Structure formats: C-alpha cells, structure tokens
Amino acid sequence: MSRKIKVIHVHLIGKRKDYYFGSIAAIFTVLSPEDIGFSKSYLSHAGLSGGGTIVNSLCLIKQSTLITCAKCIGK
C-alpha cells in the first residue's frame, strides 16, 4: 500500500538551492517573502494544487506528490 504526501518544491534560481516543504506555511519558517518574491497569501491562492507551478525571477515553486511505500519502511 502506498501513501501520497503533498510536497512543495522551492527552487531559488540565483542561489541554485532547493527546498522541500509539506505546506505553504512551512516555506515561511525558512524563507521570507523577500527571498521568494511571493507572500503567503499569494501562494495560498496561486493554484499550486494539482501539480501547479509558479515562477518569477527569484524562484520556481511547484507542488507535487511524494509517493511512499508503507511496507518498504524498515526493509
């Protein structure tokens, strides 16, 4: 049996750094609106669900699904 977990990938273009978060709110515990060029409110309404992607000159933000295998853990 597999589980699907929402993952939000933030790629900082100029710094070539990647971050992975479990929610939009979690992004702002590590990065500021100035770091990514988007506010929390904007991201909440930007249509990231369903594989959406948003891009600006600072970053690329994409929501996807992490598929895990519950039976595979610990093997």
PDB file of N, CA and C in Angstrom:
ATOM      1  N   MET A   1       0.843  -1.178   0.000  1.00  0.00           N
ATOM      2  CA  MET A   1       0.000   0.000   0.000  1.00  0.00           C
ATOM      3  C   MET A   1       0.890   1.244   0.000  1.00  0.00           C
ATOM      4  N   SER A   2       0.613   2.189  -0.872  1.00  0.00           N
ATOM      5  CA  SER A   2       1.419   3.409  -0.934  1.00  0.00           C
ATOM      6  C   SER A   2       0.637   4.572  -0.345  1.00  0.00           C
ATOM      7  N   ARG A   3       1.381   5.559   0.137  1.00  0.00           N
ATOM      8  CA  ARG A   3       0.791   6.786   0.664  1.00  0.00           C
ATOM      9  C   ARG A   3       1.225   7.934  -0.224  1.00  0.00           C
ATOM     10  N   LYS A   4       0.357   8.913  -0.383  1.00  0.00           N
ATOM     11  CA  LYS A   4       0.687  10.097  -1.166  1.00  0.00           C
ATOM     12  C   LYS A   4       0.725  11.289  -0.220  1.00  0.00           C
ATOM     13  N   ILE A   5       1.833  11.998  -0.261  1.00  0.00           N
ATOM     14  CA  ILE A   5       2.049  13.144   0.614  1.00  0.00           C
ATOM     15  C   ILE A   5       2.342  14.368  -0.243  1.00  0.00           C
ATOM     16  N   LYS A   6       1.655  15.476   0.070  1.00  0.00           N
ATOM     17  CA  LYS A   6       1.875  16.728  -0.661  1.00  0.00           C
ATOM     18  C   LYS A   6       3.285  17.258  -0.354  1.00  0.00           C
ATOM     19  N   VAL A   7       3.984  17.687  -1.398  1.00  0.00           N
ATOM     20  CA  VAL A   7       5.316  18.273  -1.255  1.00  0.00           C
ATOM     21  C   VAL A   7       5.358  19.552  -2.086  1.00  0.00           C
ATOM     22  N   ILE A   8       5.893  20.605  -1.487  1.00  0.00           N
ATOM     23  CA  ILE A   8       6.073  21.859  -2.223  1.00  0.00           C
ATOM     24  C   ILE A   8       7.572  22.075  -2.406  1.00  0.00           C
ATOM     25  N   HIS A   9       7.990  22.113  -3.665  1.00  0.00           N
ATOM     26  CA  HIS A   9       9.401  22.279  -4.029  1.00  0.00           C
ATOM     27  C   HIS A   9       9.648  23.752  -4.341  1.00  0.00           C
ATOM     28  N   VAL A  10      10.619  24.337  -3.654  1.00  0.00           N
ATOM     29  CA  VAL A  10      11.011  25.726  -3.901  1.00  0.00           C
ATOM     30  C   VAL A  10      12.452  25.708  -4.413  1.00  0.00           C
ATOM     31  N   HIS A  11      12.644  26.179  -5.625  1.00  0.00           N
ATOM     32  CA  HIS A  11      13.981  26.284  -6.219  1.00  0.00           C
ATOM     33  C   HIS A  11      14.346  27.762  -6.299  1.00  0.00           C
ATOM     34  N   LEU A  12      15.388  28.166  -5.576  1.00  0.00           N
ATOM     35  CA  LEU A  12      15.877  29.546  -5.644  1.00  0.00           C
ATOM     36  C   LEU A  12      16.814  29.650  -6.842  1.00  0.00           C
ATOM     37  N   ILE A  13      16.406  30.398  -7.826  1.00  0.00           N
ATOM     38  CA  ILE A  13      17.101  30.439  -9.112  1.00  0.00           C
ATOM     39  C   ILE A  13      18.516  30.979  -9.001  1.00  0.00           C
ATOM     40  N   GLY A  14      18.701  32.144  -8.410  1.00  0.00           N
ATOM     41  CA  GLY A  14      20.022  32.751  -8.326  1.00  0.00           C
ATOM     42  C   GLY A  14      20.996  32.004  -7.419  1.00  0.00           C
ATOM     43  N   LYS A  15      20.467  31.362  -6.396  1.00  0.00           N
ATOM     44  CA  LYS A  15      21.316  30.649  -5.435  1.00  0.00           C
ATOM     45  C   LYS A  15      21.473  29.165  -5.763  1.00  0.00           C
ATOM     46  N   ARG A  16      20.689  28.691  -6.727  1.00  0.00           N
ATOM     47  CA  ARG A  16      20.713  27.276  -7.105  1.00  0.00           C
ATOM     48  C   ARG A  16      20.534  26.370  -5.896  1.00  0.00           C
ATOM     49  N   LYS A  17      19.555  26.715  -5.061  1.00  0.00           N
ATOM     50  CA  LYS A  17      19.247  25.917  -3.877  1.00  0.00           C
ATOM     51  C   LYS A  17      17.823  25.398  -3.992  1.00  0.00           C
ATOM     52  N   ASP A  18      17.613  24.211  -3.461  1.00  0.00           N
ATOM     53  CA  ASP A  18      16.304  23.593  -3.472  1.00  0.00           C
ATOM     54  C   ASP A  18      15.853  23.303  -2.053  1.00  0.00           C
ATOM     55  N   TYR A  19      14.566  23.552  -1.810  1.00  0.00           N
ATOM     56  CA  TYR A  19      13.944  23.268  -0.520  1.00  0.00           C
ATOM     57  C   TYR A  19      12.657  22.495  -0.790  1.00  0.00           C
ATOM     58  N   TYR A  20      12.303  21.635   0.152  1.00  0.00           N
ATOM     59  CA  TYR A  20      11.085  20.841   0.041  1.00  0.00           C
ATOM     60  C   TYR A  20      10.279  21.012   1.320  1.00  0.00           C
ATOM     61  N   PHE A  21       9.000  21.363   1.180  1.00  0.00           N
ATOM     62  CA  PHE A  21       8.149  21.665   2.326  1.00  0.00           C
ATOM     63  C   PHE A  21       6.852  20.873   2.248  1.00  0.00           C
ATOM     64  N   GLY A  22       6.236  20.685   3.412  1.00  0.00           N
ATOM     65  CA  GLY A  22       4.968  19.980   3.489  1.00  0.00           C
ATOM     66  C   GLY A  22       3.756  20.890   3.410  1.00  0.00           C
ATOM     67  N   SER A  23       3.970  22.192   3.472  1.00  0.00           N
ATOM     68  CA  SER A  23       2.856  23.144   3.391  1.00  0.00           C
ATOM     69  C   SER A  23       3.389  24.514   2.974  1.00  0.00           C
ATOM     70  N   ILE A  24       2.482  25.371   2.569  1.00  0.00           N
ATOM     71  CA  ILE A  24       2.858  26.743   2.219  1.00  0.00           C
ATOM     72  C   ILE A  24       3.356  27.473   3.462  1.00  0.00           C
ATOM     73  N   ALA A  25       2.685  27.278   4.588  1.00  0.00           N
ATOM     74  CA  ALA A  25       3.104  27.936   5.832  1.00  0.00           C
ATOM     75  C   ALA A  25       4.533  27.558   6.211  1.00  0.00           C
ATOM     76  N   ALA A  26       4.919  26.312   5.953  1.00  0.00           N
ATOM     77  CA  ALA A  26       6.269  25.856   6.298  1.00  0.00           C
ATOM     78  C   ALA A  26       7.351  26.595   5.513  1.00  0.00           C
ATOM     79  N   ILE A  27       7.032  27.030   4.305  1.00  0.00           N
ATOM     80  CA  ILE A  27       8.001  27.780   3.489  1.00  0.00           C
ATOM     81  C   ILE A  27       8.492  29.001   4.265  1.00  0.00           C
ATOM     82  N   PHE A  28       7.560  29.672   4.933  1.00  0.00           N
ATOM     83  CA  PHE A  28       7.880  30.939   5.584  1.00  0.00           C
ATOM     84  C   PHE A  28       8.526  30.768   6.964  1.00  0.00           C
ATOM     85  N   THR A  29       8.761  29.521   7.371  1.00  0.00           N
ATOM     86  CA  THR A  29       9.566  29.284   8.574  1.00  0.00           C
ATOM     87  C   THR A  29      11.051  29.298   8.226  1.00  0.00           C
ATOM     88  N   VAL A  30      11.358  29.154   6.928  1.00  0.00           N
ATOM     89  CA  VAL A  30      12.753  29.107   6.462  1.00  0.00           C
ATOM     90  C   VAL A  30      13.084  30.295   5.561  1.00  0.00           C
ATOM     91  N   LEU A  31      12.169  30.657   4.693  1.00  0.00           N
ATOM     92  CA  LEU A  31      12.391  31.717   3.715  1.00  0.00           C
ATOM     93  C   LEU A  31      11.433  32.873   3.962  1.00  0.00           C
ATOM     94  N   SER A  32      11.842  34.064   3.579  1.00  0.00           N
ATOM     95  CA  SER A  32      10.994  35.246   3.735  1.00  0.00           C
ATOM     96  C   SER A  32      10.297  35.561   2.403  1.00  0.00           C
ATOM     97  N   PRO A  33       9.252  36.382   2.444  1.00  0.00           N
ATOM     98  CA  PRO A  33       8.627  36.815   1.188  1.00  0.00           C
ATOM     99  C   PRO A  33       9.626  37.501   0.256  1.00  0.00           C
ATOM    100  N   GLU A  34      10.605  38.187   0.828  1.00  0.00           N
ATOM    101  CA  GLU A  34      11.635  38.843   0.005  1.00  0.00           C
ATOM    102  C   GLU A  34      12.542  37.814  -0.675  1.00  0.00           C
ATOM    103  N   ASP A  35      12.780  36.669  -0.028  1.00  0.00           N
ATOM    104  CA  ASP A  35      13.613  35.613  -0.618  1.00  0.00           C
ATOM    105  C   ASP A  35      12.972  35.018  -1.866  1.00  0.00           C
ATOM    106  N   ILE A  36      11.638  34.879  -1.844  1.00  0.00           N
ATOM    107  CA  ILE A  36      10.959  34.189  -2.934  1.00  0.00           C
ATOM    108  C   ILE A  36      10.104  35.091  -3.823  1.00  0.00           C
ATOM    109  N   GLY A  37       9.849  36.310  -3.369  1.00  0.00           N
ATOM    110  CA  GLY A  37       9.083  37.244  -4.184  1.00  0.00           C
ATOM    111  C   GLY A  37       7.582  37.020  -4.177  1.00  0.00           C
ATOM    112  N   PHE A  38       7.086  36.224  -3.252  1.00  0.00           N
ATOM    113  CA  PHE A  38       5.659  35.958  -3.118  1.00  0.00           C
ATOM    114  C   PHE A  38       5.274  36.027  -1.654  1.00  0.00           C
ATOM    115  N   SER A  39       4.069  36.476  -1.373  1.00  0.00           N
ATOM    116  CA  SER A  39       3.564  36.467   0.000  1.00  0.00           C
ATOM    117  C   SER A  39       2.873  35.131   0.278  1.00  0.00           C
ATOM    118  N   LYS A  40       2.673  34.846   1.535  1.00  0.00           N
ATOM    119  CA  LYS A  40       1.962  33.636   1.942  1.00  0.00           C
ATOM    120  C   LYS A  40       0.544  33.643   1.363  1.00  0.00           C
ATOM    121  N   SER A  41      -0.098  34.781   1.404  1.00  0.00           N
ATOM    122  CA  SER A  41      -1.454  34.916   0.876  1.00  0.00           C
ATOM    123  C   SER A  41      -1.493  34.624  -0.631  1.00  0.00           C
ATOM    124  N   TYR A  42      -0.530  35.155  -1.362  1.00  0.00           N
ATOM    125  CA  TYR A  42      -0.489  34.921  -2.805  1.00  0.00           C
ATOM    126  C   TYR A  42      -0.338  33.430  -3.109  1.00  0.00           C
ATOM    127  N   LEU A  43       0.605  32.776  -2.421  1.00  0.00           N
ATOM    128  CA  LEU A  43       0.828  31.353  -2.678  1.00  0.00           C
ATOM    129  C   LEU A  43      -0.397  30.515  -2.334  1.00  0.00           C
ATOM    130  N   SER A  44      -1.121  30.927  -1.300  1.00  0.00           N
ATOM    131  CA  SER A  44      -2.320  30.186  -0.900  1.00  0.00           C
ATOM    132  C   SER A  44      -3.399  30.206  -1.975  1.00  0.00           C
ATOM    133  N   HIS A  45      -3.392  31.229  -2.817  1.00  0.00           N
ATOM    134  CA  HIS A  45      -4.407  31.376  -3.853  1.00  0.00           C
ATOM    135  C   HIS A  45      -3.852  31.206  -5.271  1.00  0.00           C
ATOM    136  N   ALA A  46      -2.618  30.762  -5.397  1.00  0.00           N
ATOM    137  CA  ALA A  46      -1.954  30.734  -6.707  1.00  0.00           C
ATOM    138  C   ALA A  46      -2.274  29.509  -7.553  1.00  0.00           C
ATOM    139  N   GLY A  47      -2.968  28.544  -7.018  1.00  0.00           N
ATOM    140  CA  GLY A  47      -3.308  27.358  -7.804  1.00  0.00           C
ATOM    141  C   GLY A  47      -2.201  26.338  -7.884  1.00  0.00           C
ATOM    142  N   LEU A  48      -1.480  26.146  -6.797  1.00  0.00           N
ATOM    143  CA  LEU A  48      -0.413  25.153  -6.782  1.00  0.00           C
ATOM    144  C   LEU A  48      -0.941  23.722  -6.747  1.00  0.00           C
ATOM    145  N   SER A  49      -2.131  23.518  -6.203  1.00  0.00           N
ATOM    146  CA  SER A  49      -2.660  22.159  -6.101  1.00  0.00           C
ATOM    147  C   SER A  49      -2.854  21.563  -7.492  1.00  0.00           C
ATOM    148  N   GLY A  50      -2.761  20.272  -7.573  1.00  0.00           N
ATOM    149  CA  GLY A  50      -2.920  19.605  -8.867  1.00  0.00           C
ATOM    150  C   GLY A  50      -1.709  19.733  -9.757  1.00  0.00           C
ATOM    151  N   GLY A  51      -0.540  19.919  -9.161  1.00  0.00           N
ATOM    152  CA  GLY A  51       0.689  19.992  -9.950  1.00  0.00           C
ATOM    153  C   GLY A  51       0.999  21.365 -10.501  1.00  0.00           C
ATOM    154  N   GLY A  52       0.374  22.399  -9.952  1.00  0.00           N
ATOM    155  CA  GLY A  52       0.618  23.751 -10.427  1.00  0.00           C
ATOM    156  C   GLY A  52       2.032  24.231 -10.163  1.00  0.00           C
ATOM    157  N   THR A  53       2.490  25.173 -10.961  1.00  0.00           N
ATOM    158  CA  THR A  53       3.823  25.748 -10.841  1.00  0.00           C
ATOM    159  C   THR A  53       3.725  27.252 -11.003  1.00  0.00           C
ATOM    160  N   ILE A  54       4.479  27.991 -10.182  1.00  0.00           N
ATOM    161  CA  ILE A  54       4.593  29.434 -10.379  1.00  0.00           C
ATOM    162  C   ILE A  54       6.071  29.793 -10.422  1.00  0.00           C
ATOM    163  N   VAL A  55       6.394  30.799 -11.216  1.00  0.00           N
ATOM    164  CA  VAL A  55       7.787  31.179 -11.446  1.00  0.00           C
ATOM    165  C   VAL A  55       7.891  32.695 -11.455  1.00  0.00           C
ATOM    166  N   ASN A  56       8.972  33.202 -10.894  1.00  0.00           N
ATOM    167  CA  ASN A  56       9.339  34.608 -11.060  1.00  0.00           C
ATOM    168  C   ASN A  56      10.859  34.658 -11.205  1.00  0.00           C
ATOM    169  N   SER A  57      11.449  35.838 -11.141  1.00  0.00           N
ATOM    170  CA  SER A  57      12.898  35.946 -11.342  1.00  0.00           C
ATOM    171  C   SER A  57      13.702  35.384 -10.165  1.00  0.00           C
ATOM    172  N   LEU A  58      13.064  35.179  -9.015  1.00  0.00           N
ATOM    173  CA  LEU A  58      13.761  34.680  -7.831  1.00  0.00           C
ATOM    174  C   LEU A  58      13.654  33.177  -7.630  1.00  0.00           C
ATOM    175  N   CYS A  59      12.503  32.607  -7.998  1.00  0.00           N
ATOM    176  CA  CYS A  59      12.304  31.200  -7.677  1.00  0.00           C
ATOM    177  C   CYS A  59      11.280  30.534  -8.582  1.00  0.00           C
ATOM    178  N   LEU A  60      11.269  29.221  -8.466  1.00  0.00           N
ATOM    179  CA  LEU A  60      10.262  28.368  -9.075  1.00  0.00           C
ATOM    180  C   LEU A  60       9.635  27.589  -7.934  1.00  0.00           C
ATOM    181  N   ILE A  61       8.316  27.588  -7.842  1.00  0.00           N
ATOM    182  CA  ILE A  61       7.622  26.862  -6.782  1.00  0.00           C
ATOM    183  C   ILE A  61       6.636  25.913  -7.435  1.00  0.00           C
ATOM    184  N   LYS A  62       6.727  24.642  -7.039  1.00  0.00           N
ATOM    185  CA  LYS A  62       5.904  23.610  -7.648  1.00  0.00           C
ATOM    186  C   LYS A  62       5.363  22.696  -6.561  1.00  0.00           C
ATOM    187  N   GLN A  63       4.094  22.372  -6.651  1.00  0.00           N
ATOM    188  CA  GLN A  63       3.513  21.406  -5.721  1.00  0.00           C
ATOM    189  C   GLN A  63       3.381  20.076  -6.430  1.00  0.00           C
ATOM    190  N   SER A  64       3.773  19.018  -5.742  1.00  0.00           N
ATOM    191  CA  SER A  64       3.701  17.689  -6.317  1.00  0.00           C
ATOM    192  C   SER A  64       3.320  16.701  -5.226  1.00  0.00           C
ATOM    193  N   THR A  65       3.393  15.430  -5.550  1.00  0.00           N
ATOM    194  CA  THR A  65       3.047  14.378  -4.608  1.00  0.00           C
ATOM    195  C   THR A  65       4.230  13.451  -4.412  1.00  0.00           C
ATOM    196  N   LEU A  66       4.555  13.204  -3.159  1.00  0.00           N
ATOM    197  CA  LEU A  66       5.586  12.236  -2.795  1.00  0.00           C
ATOM    198  C   LEU A  66       4.881  10.917  -2.558  1.00  0.00           C
ATOM    199  N   ILE A  67       5.268   9.889  -3.276  1.00  0.00           N
ATOM    200  CA  ILE A  67       4.648   8.579  -3.118  1.00  0.00           C
ATOM    201  C   ILE A  67       5.580   7.710  -2.291  1.00  0.00           C
ATOM    202  N   THR A  68       5.059   7.201  -1.194  1.00  0.00           N
ATOM    203  CA  THR A  68       5.861   6.349  -0.310  1.00  0.00           C
ATOM    204  C   THR A  68       5.238   4.956  -0.255  1.00  0.00           C
ATOM    205  N   CYS A  69       6.020   4.015   0.167  1.00  0.00           N
ATOM    206  CA  CYS A  69       5.564   2.638   0.307  1.00  0.00           C
ATOM    207  C   CYS A  69       5.613   2.290   1.784  1.00  0.00           C
ATOM    208  N   ALA A  70       4.450   2.174   2.416  1.00  0.00           N
ATOM    209  CA  ALA A  70       4.394   1.893   3.846  1.00  0.00           C
ATOM    210  C   ALA A  70       5.055   0.562   4.186  1.00  0.00           C
ATOM    211  N   LYS A  71       4.943  -0.436   3.331  1.00  0.00           N
ATOM    212  CA  LYS A  71       5.538  -1.748   3.590  1.00  0.00           C
ATOM    213  C   LYS A  71       7.054  -1.739   3.399  1.00  0.00           C
ATOM    214  N   CYS A  72       7.584  -0.750   2.669  1.00  0.00           N
ATOM    215  CA  CYS A  72       9.011  -0.690   2.378  1.00  0.00           C
ATOM    216  C   CYS A  72       9.817  -0.089   3.521  1.00  0.00           C
ATOM    217  N   ILE A  73       9.169   0.629   4.415  1.00  0.00           N
ATOM    218  CA  ILE A  73       9.877   1.275   5.510  1.00  0.00           C
ATOM    219  C   ILE A  73      10.475   0.224   6.432  1.00  0.00           C
ATOM    220  N   GLY A  74      11.743   0.392   6.723  1.00  0.00           N
ATOM    221  CA  GLY A  74      12.433  -0.520   7.631  1.00  0.00           C
ATOM    222  C   GLY A  74      12.999  -1.751   6.974  1.00  0.00           C
ATOM    223  N   LYS A  75      12.904  -1.869   5.668  1.00  0.00           N
ATOM    224  CA  LYS A  75      13.464  -3.049   4.977  1.00  0.00           C
ATOM    225  C   LYS A  75      14.820  -2.737   4.441  1.00  0.00           C
TER     226      LYS A  75
END
